[in-house]
Structures are given as structure tokens and as C-alpha cells.
Amino acid sequence: MVRRSAHRVRGHHRDGDAAIGVLDLRGGLRAGRDVAARAAGPGARSPGRESPSGPRTRRRRRPPRARRRTARGGRPRAEPRALPSIWAHRTVLLRMGSGAALVGAARSARITLLPLWALSIGLGEANTALVIGIAGGVEFALFYTSGHVMDRWGRLWSVMPCMLGLGTGFVLLSFLHKVPGRTGWFVAVVLLLSLANGVGSGIIMTLGADLAPLSRPAPFLSAWRFAGDGGQAAAPVLVSILTAVASLPVAAGTIGALALLGAGILLLYIPRYVPHVRHPKPEPSAVAGGK
């Protein structure tokens, strides 16, 4: 009996020590929070406790931006429609968009017309694929150069060599259908067209980004893309019609004339709507300080 009583007393002491330790731990955490709240400032309070002025309230979350845009009657305000935004910039789209459409037409006609030309001069399928593949590699090698030219000297120095090269190449091709050594001339013209197209890589999207209004760019960019894609879609149809009605050299000459017309349009309107701004070069002292 004496031993059992001693064990019970020791057990009660252990439970009491554990309870006191828990209470001390909670008290220490509360004291730590109070000290942190006092150190933060007079307006702060310890988290999880009520403020002196009343019970703790949660901060209400602001509604999304679309819901905050409401009219006087409490109804959501309607977003501006796309057609009025396009109509507001109709002059730019008609002038610059026509040039973009001719750029897209010249590029698309190149893809359609060159295989037909190779077939008409008796070039084999393997040799045609080899020549066009080499031309594609030349274009790919000029992607970075095109961006560098546009950023350093302006958009005009990228689009003018592109359109002048495409127009000149198609016009030359129209006179080389029955000349001696036409296969070699065909390879030379294909490489010229690839060089011209590579120099103008990305010019359509870059001009669209330059011309798009900052307030609402999406409707403008959609209309701009529609102009470029419309030219790309119309060129193969035009080549097919001219080849069926007249001949393949007539189709090549017509595409070349349209490319030169597009060069003239862009030469006229790019300086007006997208003037080149020279970026100031950093001073040597600033560059050395940045290092």
C-alpha cells in the first residue's frame, strides 16, 4: 500500500510538471507575440487577439477588375467593340495594311511559283527539293540579321531590300524561261529571292506592334494580321489564274510588279507612321561604372 501511494504521488507530480510546462510554453508564445506587436508600432496588434476598439474583422477582398467597372445603374460597363476601334484607325490600316498585304502576297507566291517553274524547265524533283531547301537554309541564317537591321537602322532598311529583292527576282524570272542555261539562272534567282525574304524576316509582325494603339491593341492587330494573311491567301489564286489564262512568265512578272508596288507604298508611309528613333549610345564612364 505504501509503495502504491508513493507511485501515485510521483505520477501526479509528473502530470503537474507536464501541465505547467505546456502552460509556460503557451504563455511564452503569447508574451512573444505581445512583444513583437509592441515593437511593430502603436497601430499594430498581436495576431489572433481582439483589438481594443472591438472584435477582429477580416479585410474584404476587392472584386475583380471587370466587376468594378460598372455604370451608374449598377450594371457592368460594356467593353468597346472591335469594329469602332478598327474604324478609328482605318487610314493606317488602308495605307500600311495594303503594303503588308503585298508583302504577304510576294512571299506566298514564291512558295507557289518556284516549284511550278522548276517543273516547267524540266528540273527533277530531287534537284528542285535540293535547291529550295538550300534557299530555306539561307533564309534561316538571316533571321538574326533582319532583327538587328530593324532595331539599329529602322524598319525601312529591312522591308525595302526585302520587297525590292522579291520584285526584281520575279521580274527577272519572267524573262528567263527559254534562255540557254535556264537551270542555272533559276538557281540564281531562287537564291536572290531567299536573300531578300530573309532580310525582311518578321517585318509584318514588327510593324503591327509598332502601329498598334496602346489603349486597345487587339482589334488593330487582328485587322493587321487579316491584311497580311489576305495577301498570302490571294497570291496562289492569282498565280493559278494568270498561269491558266496567260502563262507562267506572265504570272511571275505580275507578282514582281506587285512587289515593287508594295515597296513604293511602304517607302511612302513607313517614315510617316513608324519613324526610326535612334537610341542614344551609353557613355563609356557609365558602362565602366556598371561593370
C-alpha atoms as a PDB file:
ATOM      1  CA  MET A   1       0.000   0.000   0.000  1.00  0.00           C
ATOM      2  CA  VAL A   2       2.777   2.425   0.885  1.00  0.00           C
ATOM      3  CA  ARG A   3       4.570   1.667  -2.409  1.00  0.00           C
ATOM      4  CA  ARG A   4       1.355   2.182  -4.458  1.00  0.00           C
ATOM      5  CA  SER A   5       0.725   5.521  -2.744  1.00  0.00           C
ATOM      6  CA  ALA A   6       4.277   6.621  -3.479  1.00  0.00           C
ATOM      7  CA  HIS A   7       3.901   5.700  -7.163  1.00  0.00           C
ATOM      8  CA  ARG A   8       0.619   7.659  -7.397  1.00  0.00           C
ATOM      9  CA  VAL A   9       2.196  10.722  -5.806  1.00  0.00           C
ATOM     10  CA  ARG A  10       5.134  10.563  -8.254  1.00  0.00           C
ATOM     11  CA  GLY A  11       2.692  10.196 -11.204  1.00  0.00           C
ATOM     12  CA  HIS A  12       0.711  13.240 -10.047  1.00  0.00           C
ATOM     13  CA  HIS A  13       3.923  15.221  -9.834  1.00  0.00           C
ATOM     14  CA  ARG A  14       4.891  14.203 -13.398  1.00  0.00           C
ATOM     15  CA  ASP A  15       1.454  15.210 -14.776  1.00  0.00           C
ATOM     16  CA  GLY A  16       1.603  18.508 -12.935  1.00  0.00           C
ATOM     17  CA  ASP A  17       5.080  19.252 -14.271  1.00  0.00           C
ATOM     18  CA  ALA A  18       3.927  18.488 -17.838  1.00  0.00           C
ATOM     19  CA  ALA A  19       0.863  20.729 -17.459  1.00  0.00           C
ATOM     20  CA  ILE A  20       2.980  23.531 -16.027  1.00  0.00           C
ATOM     21  CA  GLY A  21       5.414  23.162 -18.954  1.00  0.00           C
ATOM     22  CA  VAL A  22       2.586  23.428 -21.514  1.00  0.00           C
ATOM     23  CA  LEU A  23       1.190  26.487 -19.748  1.00  0.00           C
ATOM     24  CA  ASP A  24       4.623  28.069 -19.655  1.00  0.00           C
ATOM     25  CA  LEU A  25       5.091  27.348 -23.377  1.00  0.00           C
ATOM     26  CA  ARG A  26       1.740  28.948 -24.265  1.00  0.00           C
ATOM     27  CA  GLY A  27       2.474  31.874 -22.010  1.00  0.00           C
ATOM     28  CA  GLY A  28       5.869  32.316 -23.637  1.00  0.00           C
ATOM     29  CA  LEU A  29       4.318  32.303 -27.124  1.00  0.00           C
ATOM     30  CA  ARG A  30       1.728  34.888 -26.090  1.00  0.00           C
ATOM     31  CA  ALA A  31       4.384  37.043 -24.491  1.00  0.00           C
ATOM     32  CA  GLY A  32       6.498  36.784 -27.640  1.00  0.00           C
ATOM     33  CA  ARG A  33       3.568  37.897 -29.798  1.00  0.00           C
ATOM     34  CA  ASP A  34       2.865  40.843 -27.492  1.00  0.00           C
ATOM     35  CA  VAL A  35       6.492  41.936 -27.597  1.00  0.00           C
ATOM     36  CA  ALA A  36       6.534  41.691 -31.421  1.00  0.00           C
ATOM     37  CA  ALA A  37       3.311  43.720 -31.651  1.00  0.00           C
ATOM     38  CA  ARG A  38       4.714  46.462 -29.370  1.00  0.00           C
ATOM     39  CA  ALA A  39       7.921  46.580 -31.401  1.00  0.00           C
ATOM     40  CA  ALA A  40       5.974  46.886 -34.681  1.00  0.00           C
ATOM     41  CA  GLY A  41       4.307  50.104 -33.568  1.00  0.00           C
ATOM     42  CA  PRO A  42       1.341  51.516 -31.731  1.00  0.00           C
ATOM     43  CA  GLY A  43      -1.108  50.689 -34.517  1.00  0.00           C
ATOM     44  CA  ALA A  44      -0.198  47.016 -34.687  1.00  0.00           C
ATOM     45  CA  ARG A  45      -1.749  44.289 -32.630  1.00  0.00           C
ATOM     46  CA  SER A  46      -0.816  40.726 -31.923  1.00  0.00           C
ATOM     47  CA  PRO A  47      -2.421  38.237 -34.313  1.00  0.00           C
ATOM     48  CA  GLY A  48      -5.304  36.204 -33.036  1.00  0.00           C
ATOM     49  CA  ARG A  49      -6.379  38.761 -30.380  1.00  0.00           C
ATOM     50  CA  GLU A  50      -9.181  41.268 -30.406  1.00  0.00           C
ATOM     51  CA  SER A  51      -8.408  44.930 -30.872  1.00  0.00           C
ATOM     52  CA  PRO A  52      -9.341  47.397 -28.090  1.00  0.00           C
ATOM     53  CA  SER A  53     -11.980  49.004 -30.282  1.00  0.00           C
ATOM     54  CA  GLY A  54     -13.927  45.806 -30.961  1.00  0.00           C
ATOM     55  CA  PRO A  55     -13.782  42.291 -32.343  1.00  0.00           C
ATOM     56  CA  ARG A  56     -11.340  41.392 -35.066  1.00  0.00           C
ATOM     57  CA  THR A  57     -12.696  41.782 -38.615  1.00  0.00           C
ATOM     58  CA  ARG A  58     -11.393  40.271 -41.824  1.00  0.00           C
ATOM     59  CA  ARG A  59     -10.305  42.508 -44.662  1.00  0.00           C
ATOM     60  CA  ARG A  60     -12.736  42.373 -47.536  1.00  0.00           C
ATOM     61  CA  ARG A  61     -11.224  41.366 -50.840  1.00  0.00           C
ATOM     62  CA  ARG A  62     -11.716  43.748 -53.728  1.00  0.00           C
ATOM     63  CA  PRO A  63     -13.807  42.373 -56.579  1.00  0.00           C
ATOM     64  CA  PRO A  64     -12.155  41.610 -59.907  1.00  0.00           C
ATOM     65  CA  ARG A  65     -11.428  44.463 -62.251  1.00  0.00           C
ATOM     66  CA  ALA A  66     -14.184  43.506 -64.654  1.00  0.00           C
ATOM     67  CA  ARG A  67     -16.772  43.721 -61.858  1.00  0.00           C
ATOM     68  CA  ARG A  68     -15.504  47.080 -60.621  1.00  0.00           C
ATOM     69  CA  ARG A  69     -16.187  48.635 -63.996  1.00  0.00           C
ATOM     70  CA  THR A  70     -19.854  49.436 -63.505  1.00  0.00           C
ATOM     71  CA  ALA A  71     -22.087  52.110 -64.920  1.00  0.00           C
ATOM     72  CA  ARG A  72     -24.445  54.360 -62.957  1.00  0.00           C
ATOM     73  CA  GLY A  73     -27.235  51.819 -62.921  1.00  0.00           C
ATOM     74  CA  GLY A  74     -25.027  49.201 -61.295  1.00  0.00           C
ATOM     75  CA  ARG A  75     -24.705  47.153 -64.483  1.00  0.00           C
ATOM     76  CA  PRO A  76     -21.318  46.108 -65.854  1.00  0.00           C
ATOM     77  CA  ARG A  77     -19.957  48.628 -68.306  1.00  0.00           C
ATOM     78  CA  ALA A  78     -19.733  47.238 -71.827  1.00  0.00           C
ATOM     79  CA  GLU A  79     -16.269  46.977 -73.351  1.00  0.00           C
ATOM     80  CA  PRO A  80     -15.674  48.920 -76.561  1.00  0.00           C
ATOM     81  CA  ARG A  81     -16.403  46.869 -79.643  1.00  0.00           C
ATOM     82  CA  ALA A  82     -13.774  45.839 -82.139  1.00  0.00           C
ATOM     83  CA  LEU A  83     -15.285  47.418 -85.253  1.00  0.00           C
ATOM     84  CA  PRO A  84     -15.324  51.001 -83.909  1.00  0.00           C
ATOM     85  CA  SER A  85     -11.700  50.607 -82.859  1.00  0.00           C
ATOM     86  CA  ILE A  86     -10.747  49.358 -86.321  1.00  0.00           C
ATOM     87  CA  TRP A  87     -12.744  52.158 -87.957  1.00  0.00           C
ATOM     88  CA  ALA A  88     -10.912  54.724 -85.854  1.00  0.00           C
ATOM     89  CA  HIS A  89      -7.598  53.542 -87.362  1.00  0.00           C
ATOM     90  CA  ARG A  90      -8.898  52.881 -90.871  1.00  0.00           C
ATOM     91  CA  THR A  91      -6.438  55.266 -92.520  1.00  0.00           C
ATOM     92  CA  VAL A  92      -3.396  53.482 -91.124  1.00  0.00           C
ATOM     93  CA  LEU A  93      -4.844  50.081 -91.911  1.00  0.00           C
ATOM     94  CA  LEU A  94      -5.662  51.027 -95.509  1.00  0.00           C
ATOM     95  CA  ARG A  95      -2.273  52.557 -96.217  1.00  0.00           C
ATOM     96  CA  MET A  96       0.109  50.371 -94.260  1.00  0.00           C
ATOM     97  CA  GLY A  97      -2.170  47.326 -94.453  1.00  0.00           C
ATOM     98  CA  SER A  98      -2.083  47.370 -98.261  1.00  0.00           C
ATOM     99  CA  GLY A  99       1.709  47.284 -98.119  1.00  0.00           C
ATOM    100  CA  ALA A 100       1.605  44.411 -95.632  1.00  0.00           C
ATOM    101  CA  ALA A 101      -0.802  42.535 -97.923  1.00  0.00           C
ATOM    102  CA  LEU A 102       1.591  42.905-100.855  1.00  0.00           C
ATOM    103  CA  VAL A 103       4.485  41.661 -98.727  1.00  0.00           C
ATOM    104  CA  GLY A 104       2.470  38.589 -97.804  1.00  0.00           C
ATOM    105  CA  ALA A 105       1.433  38.065-101.438  1.00  0.00           C
ATOM    106  CA  ALA A 106       5.025  38.176-102.719  1.00  0.00           C
ATOM    107  CA  ARG A 107       6.200  35.721-100.091  1.00  0.00           C
ATOM    108  CA  SER A 108       3.321  33.317-100.693  1.00  0.00           C
ATOM    109  CA  ALA A 109       3.707  33.482-104.469  1.00  0.00           C
ATOM    110  CA  ARG A 110       7.344  32.488-104.120  1.00  0.00           C
ATOM    111  CA  ILE A 111       6.315  29.256-102.422  1.00  0.00           C
ATOM    112  CA  THR A 112       3.734  28.513-105.126  1.00  0.00           C
ATOM    113  CA  LEU A 113       5.512  29.686-108.247  1.00  0.00           C
ATOM    114  CA  LEU A 114       9.029  28.295-107.842  1.00  0.00           C
ATOM    115  CA  PRO A 115       8.090  24.574-107.882  1.00  0.00           C
ATOM    116  CA  LEU A 116       5.908  25.193-110.954  1.00  0.00           C
ATOM    117  CA  TRP A 117       8.788  26.974-112.658  1.00  0.00           C
ATOM    118  CA  ALA A 118      11.195  24.141-111.869  1.00  0.00           C
ATOM    119  CA  LEU A 119       8.719  21.665-113.322  1.00  0.00           C
ATOM    120  CA  SER A 120       8.263  23.764-116.469  1.00  0.00           C
ATOM    121  CA  ILE A 121      12.025  23.881-117.222  1.00  0.00           C
ATOM    122  CA  GLY A 122      12.417  20.141-116.697  1.00  0.00           C
ATOM    123  CA  LEU A 123      14.210  20.150-113.343  1.00  0.00           C
ATOM    124  CA  GLY A 124      13.826  16.877-111.441  1.00  0.00           C
ATOM    125  CA  GLU A 125      12.017  16.518-108.169  1.00  0.00           C
ATOM    126  CA  ALA A 126      15.167  15.779-106.166  1.00  0.00           C
ATOM    127  CA  ASN A 127      17.062  18.727-107.616  1.00  0.00           C
ATOM    128  CA  THR A 128      14.081  21.039-107.047  1.00  0.00           C
ATOM    129  CA  ALA A 129      13.855  19.982-103.424  1.00  0.00           C
ATOM    130  CA  LEU A 130      17.604  20.482-103.003  1.00  0.00           C
ATOM    131  CA  VAL A 131      17.570  24.000-104.438  1.00  0.00           C
ATOM    132  CA  ILE A 132      14.544  25.100-102.422  1.00  0.00           C
ATOM    133  CA  GLY A 133      15.991  23.507 -99.279  1.00  0.00           C
ATOM    134  CA  ILE A 134      19.257  25.430 -99.660  1.00  0.00           C
ATOM    135  CA  ALA A 135      17.232  28.607-100.142  1.00  0.00           C
ATOM    136  CA  GLY A 136      15.360  27.890 -96.922  1.00  0.00           C
ATOM    137  CA  GLY A 137      18.658  27.494 -95.073  1.00  0.00           C
ATOM    138  CA  VAL A 138      19.810  30.881 -96.370  1.00  0.00           C
ATOM    139  CA  GLU A 139      16.605  32.481 -95.084  1.00  0.00           C
ATOM    140  CA  PHE A 140      17.019  30.862 -91.690  1.00  0.00           C
ATOM    141  CA  ALA A 141      20.577  32.172 -91.415  1.00  0.00           C
ATOM    142  CA  LEU A 142      19.344  35.741 -91.900  1.00  0.00           C
ATOM    143  CA  PHE A 143      16.720  35.818 -89.115  1.00  0.00           C
ATOM    144  CA  TYR A 144      19.017  37.426 -86.567  1.00  0.00           C
ATOM    145  CA  THR A 145      20.454  39.829 -89.136  1.00  0.00           C
ATOM    146  CA  SER A 146      16.973  41.048 -90.008  1.00  0.00           C
ATOM    147  CA  GLY A 147      16.157  41.875 -86.394  1.00  0.00           C
ATOM    148  CA  HIS A 148      19.478  43.648 -85.925  1.00  0.00           C
ATOM    149  CA  VAL A 149      18.918  45.779 -89.031  1.00  0.00           C
ATOM    150  CA  MET A 150      15.394  46.731 -87.948  1.00  0.00           C
ATOM    151  CA  ASP A 151      16.471  47.769 -84.462  1.00  0.00           C
ATOM    152  CA  ARG A 152      19.588  49.661 -85.469  1.00  0.00           C
ATOM    153  CA  TRP A 153      18.699  51.396 -88.747  1.00  0.00           C
ATOM    154  CA  GLY A 154      14.909  51.265 -88.775  1.00  0.00           C
ATOM    155  CA  ARG A 155      12.106  49.188 -90.271  1.00  0.00           C
ATOM    156  CA  LEU A 156      12.574  50.723 -93.696  1.00  0.00           C
ATOM    157  CA  TRP A 157      16.065  49.258 -94.080  1.00  0.00           C
ATOM    158  CA  SER A 158      14.633  45.787 -93.613  1.00  0.00           C
ATOM    159  CA  VAL A 159      11.459  45.932 -95.686  1.00  0.00           C
ATOM    160  CA  MET A 160      12.887  47.822 -98.679  1.00  0.00           C
ATOM    161  CA  PRO A 161      15.649  45.287 -99.521  1.00  0.00           C
ATOM    162  CA  CYS A 162      13.062  42.553 -98.997  1.00  0.00           C
ATOM    163  CA  MET A 163      10.461  43.953-101.383  1.00  0.00           C
ATOM    164  CA  LEU A 164      12.943  45.267-103.935  1.00  0.00           C
ATOM    165  CA  GLY A 165      14.721  41.910-103.994  1.00  0.00           C
ATOM    166  CA  LEU A 166      11.471  39.954-104.339  1.00  0.00           C
ATOM    167  CA  GLY A 167      10.162  42.252-107.072  1.00  0.00           C
ATOM    168  CA  THR A 168      13.414  42.236-109.020  1.00  0.00           C
ATOM    169  CA  GLY A 169      13.751  38.473-108.715  1.00  0.00           C
ATOM    170  CA  PHE A 170      10.262  37.757-110.054  1.00  0.00           C
ATOM    171  CA  VAL A 171      10.662  40.236-112.910  1.00  0.00           C
ATOM    172  CA  LEU A 172      13.983  38.659-113.908  1.00  0.00           C
ATOM    173  CA  LEU A 173      12.463  35.201-113.670  1.00  0.00           C
ATOM    174  CA  SER A 174       9.750  36.139-116.140  1.00  0.00           C
ATOM    175  CA  PHE A 175      12.405  36.713-118.859  1.00  0.00           C
ATOM    176  CA  LEU A 176      14.456  33.554-118.171  1.00  0.00           C
ATOM    177  CA  HIS A 177      12.060  30.810-119.173  1.00  0.00           C
ATOM    178  CA  LYS A 178      13.552  29.988-122.602  1.00  0.00           C
ATOM    179  CA  VAL A 179      17.100  31.315-122.370  1.00  0.00           C
ATOM    180  CA  PRO A 180      20.124  28.964-122.578  1.00  0.00           C
ATOM    181  CA  GLY A 181      21.296  27.789-119.191  1.00  0.00           C
ATOM    182  CA  ARG A 182      17.897  28.451-117.644  1.00  0.00           C
ATOM    183  CA  THR A 183      18.524  25.960-114.855  1.00  0.00           C
ATOM    184  CA  GLY A 184      21.495  27.939-113.588  1.00  0.00           C
ATOM    185  CA  TRP A 185      19.552  31.178-113.872  1.00  0.00           C
ATOM    186  CA  PHE A 186      16.706  29.590-111.937  1.00  0.00           C
ATOM    187  CA  VAL A 187      19.059  28.619-109.102  1.00  0.00           C
ATOM    188  CA  ALA A 188      20.496  32.143-109.023  1.00  0.00           C
ATOM    189  CA  VAL A 189      17.035  33.743-108.869  1.00  0.00           C
ATOM    190  CA  VAL A 190      15.924  31.352-106.123  1.00  0.00           C
ATOM    191  CA  LEU A 191      18.935  32.343-104.016  1.00  0.00           C
ATOM    192  CA  LEU A 192      18.220  36.030-104.658  1.00  0.00           C
ATOM    193  CA  LEU A 193      14.619  35.593-103.525  1.00  0.00           C
ATOM    194  CA  SER A 194      15.730  33.734-100.410  1.00  0.00           C
ATOM    195  CA  LEU A 195      18.204  36.510 -99.511  1.00  0.00           C
ATOM    196  CA  ALA A 196      15.526  39.151 -99.966  1.00  0.00           C
ATOM    197  CA  ASN A 197      12.956  37.257 -97.955  1.00  0.00           C
ATOM    198  CA  GLY A 198      15.428  36.527 -95.167  1.00  0.00           C
ATOM    199  CA  VAL A 199      16.376  40.185 -94.754  1.00  0.00           C
ATOM    200  CA  GLY A 200      12.701  41.017 -94.173  1.00  0.00           C
ATOM    201  CA  SER A 201      12.007  38.247 -91.665  1.00  0.00           C
ATOM    202  CA  GLY A 202       9.472  39.323 -89.035  1.00  0.00           C
ATOM    203  CA  ILE A 203       8.745  42.709 -90.602  1.00  0.00           C
ATOM    204  CA  ILE A 204       4.962  42.242 -90.706  1.00  0.00           C
ATOM    205  CA  MET A 205       4.593  41.460 -87.006  1.00  0.00           C
ATOM    206  CA  THR A 206       7.090  44.156 -86.066  1.00  0.00           C
ATOM    207  CA  LEU A 207       5.219  46.835 -87.992  1.00  0.00           C
ATOM    208  CA  GLY A 208       1.939  45.697 -86.464  1.00  0.00           C
ATOM    209  CA  ALA A 209       3.387  46.004 -82.964  1.00  0.00           C
ATOM    210  CA  ASP A 210       4.719  49.471 -83.794  1.00  0.00           C
ATOM    211  CA  LEU A 211       1.412  50.728 -85.175  1.00  0.00           C
ATOM    212  CA  ALA A 212      -0.971  49.167 -82.641  1.00  0.00           C
ATOM    213  CA  PRO A 213      -2.559  51.651 -80.209  1.00  0.00           C
ATOM    214  CA  LEU A 214      -1.539  51.198 -76.598  1.00  0.00           C
ATOM    215  CA  SER A 215      -5.087  51.529 -75.230  1.00  0.00           C
ATOM    216  CA  ARG A 216      -6.667  48.704 -77.259  1.00  0.00           C
ATOM    217  CA  PRO A 217      -4.192  46.855 -79.493  1.00  0.00           C
ATOM    218  CA  ALA A 218      -6.081  43.584 -80.042  1.00  0.00           C
ATOM    219  CA  PRO A 219      -8.655  44.796 -82.654  1.00  0.00           C
ATOM    220  CA  PHE A 220      -5.972  46.637 -84.593  1.00  0.00           C
ATOM    221  CA  LEU A 221      -3.612  43.654 -84.582  1.00  0.00           C
ATOM    222  CA  SER A 222      -6.406  41.357 -85.733  1.00  0.00           C
ATOM    223  CA  ALA A 223      -7.183  43.653 -88.679  1.00  0.00           C
ATOM    224  CA  TRP A 224      -3.471  43.992 -89.431  1.00  0.00           C
ATOM    225  CA  ARG A 225      -3.000  40.233 -89.412  1.00  0.00           C
ATOM    226  CA  PHE A 226      -6.065  39.851 -91.609  1.00  0.00           C
ATOM    227  CA  ALA A 227      -4.471  42.174 -94.188  1.00  0.00           C
ATOM    228  CA  GLY A 228      -1.226  40.200 -94.273  1.00  0.00           C
ATOM    229  CA  ASP A 229      -2.960  36.819 -94.343  1.00  0.00           C
ATOM    230  CA  GLY A 230      -5.348  38.071 -97.036  1.00  0.00           C
ATOM    231  CA  GLY A 231      -2.409  38.808 -99.298  1.00  0.00           C
ATOM    232  CA  GLN A 232      -0.907  35.396 -98.617  1.00  0.00           C
ATOM    233  CA  ALA A 233      -4.201  33.691 -99.436  1.00  0.00           C
ATOM    234  CA  ALA A 234      -4.831  35.690-102.610  1.00  0.00           C
ATOM    235  CA  ALA A 235      -1.397  35.179-104.191  1.00  0.00           C
ATOM    236  CA  PRO A 236      -1.709  31.451-105.058  1.00  0.00           C
ATOM    237  CA  VAL A 237      -5.141  32.087-106.553  1.00  0.00           C
ATOM    238  CA  LEU A 238      -3.738  34.933-108.654  1.00  0.00           C
ATOM    239  CA  VAL A 239      -0.811  32.787-109.836  1.00  0.00           C
ATOM    240  CA  SER A 240      -3.177  29.984-110.829  1.00  0.00           C
ATOM    241  CA  ILE A 241      -5.498  32.317-112.752  1.00  0.00           C
ATOM    242  CA  LEU A 242      -2.666  34.081-114.613  1.00  0.00           C
ATOM    243  CA  THR A 243      -0.970  30.776-115.465  1.00  0.00           C
ATOM    244  CA  ALA A 244      -4.206  29.325-116.825  1.00  0.00           C
ATOM    245  CA  VAL A 245      -5.188  32.451-118.755  1.00  0.00           C
ATOM    246  CA  ALA A 246      -1.744  33.594-119.983  1.00  0.00           C
ATOM    247  CA  SER A 247       1.484  31.793-118.956  1.00  0.00           C
ATOM    248  CA  LEU A 248       3.821  31.201-116.052  1.00  0.00           C
ATOM    249  CA  PRO A 249       6.197  34.053-117.011  1.00  0.00           C
ATOM    250  CA  VAL A 250       3.256  36.466-117.023  1.00  0.00           C
ATOM    251  CA  ALA A 251       2.328  35.324-113.527  1.00  0.00           C
ATOM    252  CA  ALA A 252       5.924  35.839-112.350  1.00  0.00           C
ATOM    253  CA  GLY A 253       6.099  39.297-113.918  1.00  0.00           C
ATOM    254  CA  THR A 254       2.779  40.317-112.334  1.00  0.00           C
ATOM    255  CA  ILE A 255       3.906  39.212-108.878  1.00  0.00           C
ATOM    256  CA  GLY A 256       7.147  41.113-109.364  1.00  0.00           C
ATOM    257  CA  ALA A 257       5.269  44.291-110.317  1.00  0.00           C
ATOM    258  CA  LEU A 258       3.020  43.954-107.245  1.00  0.00           C
ATOM    259  CA  ALA A 259       6.079  43.516-105.022  1.00  0.00           C
ATOM    260  CA  LEU A 260       7.638  46.696-106.426  1.00  0.00           C
ATOM    261  CA  LEU A 261       4.328  48.492-105.861  1.00  0.00           C
ATOM    262  CA  GLY A 262       4.344  47.345-102.240  1.00  0.00           C
ATOM    263  CA  ALA A 263       7.889  48.653-101.855  1.00  0.00           C
ATOM    264  CA  GLY A 264       6.730  52.063-103.065  1.00  0.00           C
ATOM    265  CA  ILE A 265       3.777  52.108-100.664  1.00  0.00           C
ATOM    266  CA  LEU A 266       5.901  51.198 -97.667  1.00  0.00           C
ATOM    267  CA  LEU A 267       8.606  53.670 -98.693  1.00  0.00           C
ATOM    268  CA  LEU A 268       5.972  56.386 -98.649  1.00  0.00           C
ATOM    269  CA  TYR A 269       4.193  55.575 -95.389  1.00  0.00           C
ATOM    270  CA  ILE A 270       6.714  53.941 -93.035  1.00  0.00           C
ATOM    271  CA  PRO A 271       8.604  57.204 -92.367  1.00  0.00           C
ATOM    272  CA  ARG A 272       5.273  58.868 -91.616  1.00  0.00           C
ATOM    273  CA  TYR A 273       3.792  56.279 -89.264  1.00  0.00           C
ATOM    274  CA  VAL A 274       6.860  54.428 -87.942  1.00  0.00           C
ATOM    275  CA  PRO A 275       9.744  56.919 -87.815  1.00  0.00           C
ATOM    276  CA  HIS A 276      13.033  55.496 -86.677  1.00  0.00           C
ATOM    277  CA  VAL A 277      14.203  56.726 -83.278  1.00  0.00           C
ATOM    278  CA  ARG A 278      17.912  56.457 -82.679  1.00  0.00           C
ATOM    279  CA  HIS A 279      18.764  55.051 -79.274  1.00  0.00           C
ATOM    280  CA  PRO A 280      21.490  57.034 -77.514  1.00  0.00           C
ATOM    281  CA  LYS A 281      24.704  55.123 -77.016  1.00  0.00           C
ATOM    282  CA  PRO A 282      25.770  54.677 -73.365  1.00  0.00           C
ATOM    283  CA  GLU A 283      28.720  56.724 -72.260  1.00  0.00           C
ATOM    284  CA  PRO A 284      31.981  54.838 -71.594  1.00  0.00           C
ATOM    285  CA  SER A 285      32.019  56.053 -67.990  1.00  0.00           C
ATOM    286  CA  ALA A 286      28.501  54.671 -67.387  1.00  0.00           C
ATOM    287  CA  VAL A 287      29.438  51.339 -68.926  1.00  0.00           C
ATOM    288  CA  ALA A 288      32.571  51.127 -66.793  1.00  0.00           C
ATOM    289  CA  GLY A 289      30.570  52.020 -63.674  1.00  0.00           C
ATOM    290  CA  GLY A 290      28.006  49.321 -64.460  1.00  0.00           C
ATOM    291  CA  LYS A 291      30.737  46.727 -64.606  1.00  0.00           C
END
